[in-house]
Amino acid sequence: MATLAFINARIFYAGFEWTSQMNRVELGFSAESLDNTVFGQTTRTRTSGLKDARATAAGFWTAGVGSVDDVGFNAMAGEDQVVMLFPDAVAEGATSTGVGFMFKVLHARYSLGGTVGELLPFTLELQGRG
């Protein structure tokens, strides 16, 4: 089993590469656990329900075309966007990208905030869709 130092990730969102603007990303996948216990059983039984995916990302705010501010604000609550994360980079011209994750998302939240004299941080919350 390989161990990966998370230093060379590539992050794509809404058709733009955001690698140089982010320093944290988190993907979460889950499935509902539905109770299907019926009369006569002495313990609860469960079955798998709907699956869900989400992504949270953070970094340092920038302005301009394709930037956090431009895409982050304009993509909010709009049409489906695609988020892709490659934890171990993507080499230009490579025939394989290694491990990667991709899913459609609805951009749910874009937050800015920070302290005087420091870089302005941002966070994005992306909810899986479809």
N, C-alpha and C. Protein backbone atom coordinates (compact mmCIF):
# COMPACT_ATOMS: atom_id res chain seq x y z
N MET A 1 0.84 -1.18 0.00
CA MET A 1 0.00 0.00 0.00
C MET A 1 0.89 1.24 0.00
N ALA A 2 0.61 2.17 -0.89
CA ALA A 2 1.41 3.38 -1.02
C ALA A 2 0.91 4.47 -0.08
N THR A 3 1.83 5.27 0.41
CA THR A 3 1.50 6.44 1.22
C THR A 3 1.81 7.67 0.38
N LEU A 4 0.92 8.63 0.40
CA LEU A 4 1.05 9.80 -0.46
C LEU A 4 1.18 11.06 0.38
N ALA A 5 2.21 11.83 0.13
CA ALA A 5 2.32 13.17 0.73
C ALA A 5 1.50 14.10 -0.15
N PHE A 6 0.55 14.77 0.43
CA PHE A 6 -0.41 15.58 -0.33
C PHE A 6 0.20 16.95 -0.65
N ILE A 7 1.16 16.97 -1.58
CA ILE A 7 1.84 18.21 -1.92
C ILE A 7 1.74 18.58 -3.39
N ASN A 8 1.26 17.67 -4.20
CA ASN A 8 1.30 17.89 -5.63
C ASN A 8 -0.07 17.69 -6.29
N ALA A 9 -1.14 17.97 -5.55
CA ALA A 9 -2.49 17.76 -6.08
C ALA A 9 -2.79 18.72 -7.22
N ARG A 10 -3.66 18.27 -8.10
CA ARG A 10 -4.18 19.12 -9.17
C ARG A 10 -5.68 19.21 -8.98
N ILE A 11 -6.23 20.42 -9.00
CA ILE A 11 -7.64 20.64 -8.71
C ILE A 11 -8.26 21.42 -9.87
N PHE A 12 -9.34 20.87 -10.41
CA PHE A 12 -10.06 21.51 -11.51
C PHE A 12 -11.51 21.69 -11.09
N TYR A 13 -12.07 22.87 -11.36
CA TYR A 13 -13.47 23.15 -11.02
C TYR A 13 -14.06 24.09 -12.05
N ALA A 14 -15.22 23.74 -12.54
CA ALA A 14 -15.98 24.58 -13.47
C ALA A 14 -15.15 24.96 -14.71
N GLY A 15 -14.34 24.04 -15.18
CA GLY A 15 -13.55 24.27 -16.38
C GLY A 15 -12.26 25.03 -16.17
N PHE A 16 -11.89 25.31 -14.93
CA PHE A 16 -10.66 26.03 -14.63
C PHE A 16 -9.77 25.23 -13.70
N GLU A 17 -8.48 25.37 -13.85
CA GLU A 17 -7.55 24.75 -12.91
C GLU A 17 -7.30 25.71 -11.76
N TRP A 18 -7.55 25.25 -10.55
CA TRP A 18 -7.40 26.08 -9.36
C TRP A 18 -6.25 25.65 -8.48
N THR A 19 -5.38 24.81 -8.99
CA THR A 19 -4.28 24.26 -8.20
C THR A 19 -3.46 25.35 -7.51
N SER A 20 -3.13 26.41 -8.23
CA SER A 20 -2.24 27.44 -7.67
C SER A 20 -2.96 28.39 -6.71
N GLN A 21 -4.28 28.23 -6.54
CA GLN A 21 -5.03 29.10 -5.64
C GLN A 21 -5.52 28.38 -4.39
N MET A 22 -5.30 27.07 -4.31
CA MET A 22 -5.82 26.29 -3.19
C MET A 22 -4.69 25.64 -2.40
N ASN A 23 -4.93 25.48 -1.10
CA ASN A 23 -3.96 24.77 -0.27
C ASN A 23 -4.63 23.72 0.62
N ARG A 24 -5.93 23.50 0.40
CA ARG A 24 -6.63 22.46 1.15
C ARG A 24 -7.82 22.00 0.33
N VAL A 25 -8.05 20.70 0.29
CA VAL A 25 -9.23 20.15 -0.37
C VAL A 25 -9.62 18.88 0.36
N GLU A 26 -10.91 18.66 0.44
CA GLU A 26 -11.42 17.48 1.13
C GLU A 26 -12.58 16.93 0.32
N LEU A 27 -12.58 15.62 0.08
CA LEU A 27 -13.68 14.95 -0.59
C LEU A 27 -14.35 14.04 0.42
N GLY A 28 -15.65 13.99 0.39
CA GLY A 28 -16.40 13.12 1.30
C GLY A 28 -17.46 12.35 0.53
N PHE A 29 -17.51 11.06 0.76
CA PHE A 29 -18.52 10.21 0.13
C PHE A 29 -19.28 9.49 1.23
N SER A 30 -20.59 9.37 1.08
CA SER A 30 -21.39 8.70 2.10
C SER A 30 -22.59 8.02 1.45
N ALA A 31 -23.22 7.14 2.21
CA ALA A 31 -24.46 6.49 1.79
C ALA A 31 -25.39 6.44 3.00
N GLU A 32 -26.66 6.64 2.75
CA GLU A 32 -27.63 6.57 3.83
C GLU A 32 -27.74 5.14 4.33
N SER A 33 -27.97 5.00 5.61
CA SER A 33 -28.21 3.71 6.22
C SER A 33 -29.68 3.68 6.62
N LEU A 34 -30.50 2.94 5.88
CA LEU A 34 -31.95 2.93 6.08
C LEU A 34 -32.37 1.75 6.93
N ASP A 35 -33.21 2.01 7.91
CA ASP A 35 -33.71 0.97 8.80
C ASP A 35 -34.78 0.16 8.08
N ASN A 36 -34.56 -1.16 7.96
CA ASN A 36 -35.58 -2.03 7.34
C ASN A 36 -35.99 -3.14 8.31
N THR A 37 -35.98 -2.83 9.61
CA THR A 37 -36.38 -3.78 10.64
C THR A 37 -37.88 -4.06 10.54
N VAL A 38 -38.25 -5.32 10.61
CA VAL A 38 -39.66 -5.70 10.56
C VAL A 38 -40.05 -6.45 11.83
N PHE A 39 -41.36 -6.67 12.03
CA PHE A 39 -41.84 -7.39 13.20
C PHE A 39 -41.18 -8.76 13.30
N GLY A 40 -40.89 -9.16 14.50
CA GLY A 40 -40.31 -10.48 14.75
C GLY A 40 -38.80 -10.48 14.86
N GLN A 41 -38.15 -9.39 14.46
CA GLN A 41 -36.70 -9.32 14.58
C GLN A 41 -36.33 -8.75 15.94
N THR A 42 -35.22 -9.23 16.51
CA THR A 42 -34.80 -8.75 17.83
C THR A 42 -33.66 -7.75 17.76
N THR A 43 -33.13 -7.52 16.59
CA THR A 43 -32.11 -6.49 16.39
C THR A 43 -32.47 -5.68 15.15
N ARG A 44 -31.98 -4.49 15.07
CA ARG A 44 -32.23 -3.64 13.90
C ARG A 44 -31.49 -4.20 12.69
N THR A 45 -32.10 -4.07 11.54
CA THR A 45 -31.43 -4.40 10.29
C THR A 45 -31.44 -3.15 9.42
N ARG A 46 -30.49 -3.06 8.56
CA ARG A 46 -30.35 -1.86 7.72
C ARG A 46 -30.01 -2.26 6.28
N THR A 47 -30.33 -1.33 5.40
CA THR A 47 -29.97 -1.49 4.00
C THR A 47 -29.39 -0.17 3.50
N SER A 48 -28.63 -0.26 2.45
CA SER A 48 -27.99 0.93 1.90
C SER A 48 -29.00 1.79 1.14
N GLY A 49 -28.89 3.10 1.35
CA GLY A 49 -29.78 4.05 0.67
C GLY A 49 -29.02 4.86 -0.36
N LEU A 50 -29.44 6.08 -0.56
CA LEU A 50 -28.84 6.95 -1.56
C LEU A 50 -27.42 7.34 -1.18
N LYS A 51 -26.59 7.50 -2.19
CA LYS A 51 -25.20 7.92 -1.98
C LYS A 51 -25.10 9.43 -2.12
N ASP A 52 -24.04 9.99 -1.53
CA ASP A 52 -23.83 11.43 -1.58
C ASP A 52 -22.34 11.71 -1.70
N ALA A 53 -22.02 12.82 -2.31
CA ALA A 53 -20.62 13.24 -2.43
C ALA A 53 -20.56 14.73 -2.15
N ARG A 54 -19.43 15.17 -1.60
CA ARG A 54 -19.23 16.59 -1.34
C ARG A 54 -17.75 16.89 -1.43
N ALA A 55 -17.45 18.15 -1.67
CA ALA A 55 -16.06 18.60 -1.69
C ALA A 55 -15.98 19.94 -0.98
N THR A 56 -14.95 20.13 -0.20
CA THR A 56 -14.67 21.39 0.45
C THR A 56 -13.26 21.78 0.07
N ALA A 57 -13.06 23.01 -0.30
CA ALA A 57 -11.73 23.47 -0.70
C ALA A 57 -11.45 24.82 -0.07
N ALA A 58 -10.18 25.10 0.13
CA ALA A 58 -9.77 26.39 0.70
C ALA A 58 -8.46 26.82 0.08
N GLY A 59 -8.22 28.10 0.12
CA GLY A 59 -6.98 28.64 -0.42
C GLY A 59 -6.93 30.14 -0.21
N PHE A 60 -6.26 30.82 -1.14
CA PHE A 60 -6.08 32.26 -1.02
C PHE A 60 -6.77 32.96 -2.18
N TRP A 61 -7.55 33.98 -1.85
CA TRP A 61 -8.39 34.70 -2.79
C TRP A 61 -7.57 35.39 -3.87
N THR A 62 -8.08 35.35 -5.09
CA THR A 62 -7.52 36.09 -6.22
C THR A 62 -8.68 36.62 -7.06
N ALA A 63 -8.41 37.62 -7.87
CA ALA A 63 -9.42 38.19 -8.76
C ALA A 63 -8.96 38.01 -10.20
N GLY A 64 -9.88 38.14 -11.15
CA GLY A 64 -9.56 38.03 -12.57
C GLY A 64 -10.30 36.86 -13.19
N VAL A 65 -10.23 36.75 -14.53
CA VAL A 65 -10.91 35.68 -15.25
C VAL A 65 -10.36 34.32 -14.81
N GLY A 66 -11.26 33.40 -14.47
CA GLY A 66 -10.87 32.06 -14.04
C GLY A 66 -10.40 31.98 -12.60
N SER A 67 -10.48 33.09 -11.88
CA SER A 67 -10.00 33.13 -10.50
C SER A 67 -11.07 32.65 -9.53
N VAL A 68 -10.68 32.54 -8.28
CA VAL A 68 -11.60 32.18 -7.21
C VAL A 68 -12.80 33.12 -7.20
N ASP A 69 -12.56 34.41 -7.26
CA ASP A 69 -13.66 35.37 -7.18
C ASP A 69 -14.58 35.26 -8.38
N ASP A 70 -14.04 35.20 -9.57
CA ASP A 70 -14.81 35.12 -10.80
C ASP A 70 -15.66 33.85 -10.84
N VAL A 71 -15.03 32.71 -10.77
CA VAL A 71 -15.73 31.43 -10.89
C VAL A 71 -16.51 31.12 -9.61
N GLY A 72 -15.88 31.36 -8.46
CA GLY A 72 -16.52 31.05 -7.19
C GLY A 72 -17.85 31.74 -7.00
N PHE A 73 -17.94 32.97 -7.38
CA PHE A 73 -19.18 33.71 -7.22
C PHE A 73 -20.18 33.36 -8.32
N ASN A 74 -19.74 33.34 -9.56
CA ASN A 74 -20.64 33.15 -10.69
C ASN A 74 -21.20 31.73 -10.81
N ALA A 75 -20.49 30.74 -10.29
CA ALA A 75 -20.96 29.35 -10.39
C ALA A 75 -21.91 28.98 -9.26
N MET A 76 -22.05 29.84 -8.27
CA MET A 76 -22.86 29.51 -7.10
C MET A 76 -24.32 29.29 -7.47
N ALA A 77 -24.87 28.15 -7.02
CA ALA A 77 -26.27 27.78 -7.21
C ALA A 77 -26.69 27.83 -8.67
N GLY A 78 -25.75 27.65 -9.56
CA GLY A 78 -26.06 27.65 -10.99
C GLY A 78 -26.17 26.24 -11.52
N GLU A 79 -25.88 26.09 -12.78
CA GLU A 79 -25.94 24.78 -13.42
C GLU A 79 -24.87 23.86 -12.84
N ASP A 80 -25.05 22.56 -13.09
CA ASP A 80 -24.06 21.59 -12.63
C ASP A 80 -22.67 21.95 -13.12
N GLN A 81 -21.69 21.81 -12.25
CA GLN A 81 -20.30 21.99 -12.60
C GLN A 81 -19.58 20.67 -12.30
N VAL A 82 -18.39 20.52 -12.81
CA VAL A 82 -17.61 19.32 -12.55
C VAL A 82 -16.40 19.70 -11.70
N VAL A 83 -16.14 18.90 -10.67
CA VAL A 83 -14.94 19.06 -9.87
C VAL A 83 -14.09 17.81 -10.08
N MET A 84 -12.78 18.00 -10.27
CA MET A 84 -11.85 16.89 -10.44
C MET A 84 -10.65 17.12 -9.53
N LEU A 85 -10.23 16.06 -8.88
CA LEU A 85 -9.06 16.12 -8.00
C LEU A 85 -8.15 14.96 -8.33
N PHE A 86 -6.90 15.28 -8.58
CA PHE A 86 -5.88 14.28 -8.80
C PHE A 86 -4.86 14.44 -7.68
N PRO A 87 -4.88 13.57 -6.66
CA PRO A 87 -4.02 13.73 -5.48
C PRO A 87 -2.52 13.73 -5.80
N ASP A 88 -2.11 13.05 -6.85
CA ASP A 88 -0.69 12.93 -7.15
C ASP A 88 -0.34 13.58 -8.49
N ALA A 89 -0.98 14.71 -8.79
CA ALA A 89 -0.70 15.51 -9.98
C ALA A 89 -1.15 14.83 -11.26
N VAL A 90 -0.96 15.50 -12.35
CA VAL A 90 -1.21 15.01 -13.69
C VAL A 90 -0.05 15.50 -14.53
N ALA A 91 0.75 14.58 -15.04
CA ALA A 91 1.90 14.97 -15.85
C ALA A 91 1.44 15.27 -17.27
N GLU A 92 1.84 16.41 -17.79
CA GLU A 92 1.47 16.79 -19.15
C GLU A 92 1.99 15.76 -20.14
N GLY A 93 1.11 15.28 -21.01
CA GLY A 93 1.47 14.29 -22.01
C GLY A 93 1.44 12.86 -21.50
N ALA A 94 1.12 12.66 -20.23
CA ALA A 94 1.07 11.31 -19.66
C ALA A 94 -0.11 10.54 -20.23
N THR A 95 0.03 9.22 -20.34
CA THR A 95 -1.07 8.39 -20.82
C THR A 95 -1.96 7.93 -19.68
N SER A 96 -1.54 8.15 -18.43
CA SER A 96 -2.34 7.80 -17.27
C SER A 96 -2.27 8.92 -16.25
N THR A 97 -3.41 9.21 -15.62
CA THR A 97 -3.43 10.24 -14.59
C THR A 97 -3.30 9.64 -13.20
N GLY A 98 -3.16 8.32 -13.11
CA GLY A 98 -3.12 7.69 -11.80
C GLY A 98 -4.50 7.75 -11.17
N VAL A 99 -4.56 7.99 -9.87
CA VAL A 99 -5.82 8.05 -9.15
C VAL A 99 -6.42 9.44 -9.29
N GLY A 100 -7.70 9.50 -9.55
CA GLY A 100 -8.39 10.78 -9.63
C GLY A 100 -9.85 10.61 -9.25
N PHE A 101 -10.48 11.70 -8.89
CA PHE A 101 -11.89 11.70 -8.50
C PHE A 101 -12.60 12.80 -9.28
N MET A 102 -13.81 12.49 -9.76
CA MET A 102 -14.55 13.47 -10.52
C MET A 102 -16.04 13.26 -10.27
N PHE A 103 -16.78 14.36 -10.03
CA PHE A 103 -18.23 14.26 -9.94
C PHE A 103 -18.85 15.63 -10.19
N LYS A 104 -20.15 15.59 -10.52
CA LYS A 104 -20.90 16.83 -10.73
C LYS A 104 -21.26 17.42 -9.38
N VAL A 105 -21.22 18.74 -9.30
CA VAL A 105 -21.53 19.40 -8.04
C VAL A 105 -22.42 20.61 -8.26
N LEU A 106 -23.10 20.98 -7.19
CA LEU A 106 -23.79 22.26 -7.09
C LEU A 106 -22.97 23.09 -6.12
N HIS A 107 -22.55 24.24 -6.54
CA HIS A 107 -21.73 25.12 -5.70
C HIS A 107 -22.65 25.72 -4.65
N ALA A 108 -22.47 25.32 -3.40
CA ALA A 108 -23.40 25.69 -2.35
C ALA A 108 -22.97 26.90 -1.52
N ARG A 109 -21.66 27.09 -1.33
CA ARG A 109 -21.22 28.18 -0.47
C ARG A 109 -19.83 28.66 -0.87
N TYR A 110 -19.65 29.97 -0.82
CA TYR A 110 -18.37 30.62 -1.11
C TYR A 110 -18.15 31.63 0.00
N SER A 111 -17.11 31.47 0.80
CA SER A 111 -16.88 32.33 1.96
C SER A 111 -15.50 32.96 1.91
N LEU A 112 -15.45 34.23 2.28
CA LEU A 112 -14.19 34.97 2.39
C LEU A 112 -14.04 35.45 3.83
N GLY A 113 -12.82 35.63 4.27
CA GLY A 113 -12.62 36.20 5.61
C GLY A 113 -11.19 36.01 6.05
N GLY A 114 -10.71 36.90 6.85
CA GLY A 114 -9.33 36.79 7.31
C GLY A 114 -8.98 37.83 8.33
N THR A 115 -7.69 37.95 8.57
CA THR A 115 -7.15 38.86 9.57
C THR A 115 -6.32 39.93 8.88
N VAL A 116 -6.33 41.13 9.41
CA VAL A 116 -5.55 42.23 8.86
C VAL A 116 -4.08 41.84 8.75
N GLY A 117 -3.49 42.12 7.60
CA GLY A 117 -2.07 41.86 7.39
C GLY A 117 -1.76 40.45 6.89
N GLU A 118 -2.79 39.60 6.71
CA GLU A 118 -2.56 38.24 6.21
C GLU A 118 -3.24 38.09 4.86
N LEU A 119 -2.85 37.05 4.13
CA LEU A 119 -3.51 36.76 2.86
C LEU A 119 -4.98 36.47 3.12
N LEU A 120 -5.84 36.88 2.18
CA LEU A 120 -7.28 36.70 2.33
C LEU A 120 -7.66 35.26 1.98
N PRO A 121 -8.11 34.48 2.97
CA PRO A 121 -8.49 33.10 2.67
C PRO A 121 -9.93 33.00 2.16
N PHE A 122 -10.22 31.92 1.44
CA PHE A 122 -11.57 31.62 0.99
C PHE A 122 -11.85 30.14 1.24
N THR A 123 -13.12 29.79 1.27
CA THR A 123 -13.54 28.40 1.31
C THR A 123 -14.70 28.20 0.34
N LEU A 124 -14.74 27.02 -0.24
CA LEU A 124 -15.83 26.62 -1.14
C LEU A 124 -16.46 25.36 -0.57
N GLU A 125 -17.76 25.27 -0.65
CA GLU A 125 -18.46 24.03 -0.30
C GLU A 125 -19.23 23.60 -1.54
N LEU A 126 -18.95 22.40 -2.00
CA LEU A 126 -19.56 21.87 -3.22
C LEU A 126 -20.33 20.61 -2.86
N GLN A 127 -21.59 20.55 -3.25
CA GLN A 127 -22.45 19.42 -2.92
C GLN A 127 -22.64 18.56 -4.16
N GLY A 128 -22.44 17.25 -4.03
CA GLY A 128 -22.63 16.33 -5.15
C GLY A 128 -24.03 16.39 -5.72
N ARG A 129 -24.11 16.19 -7.03
CA ARG A 129 -25.41 16.29 -7.69
C ARG A 129 -25.47 15.32 -8.84
N GLY A 130 -26.44 14.46 -8.83
CA GLY A 130 -26.63 13.53 -9.95
C GLY A 130 -25.69 12.41 -9.88
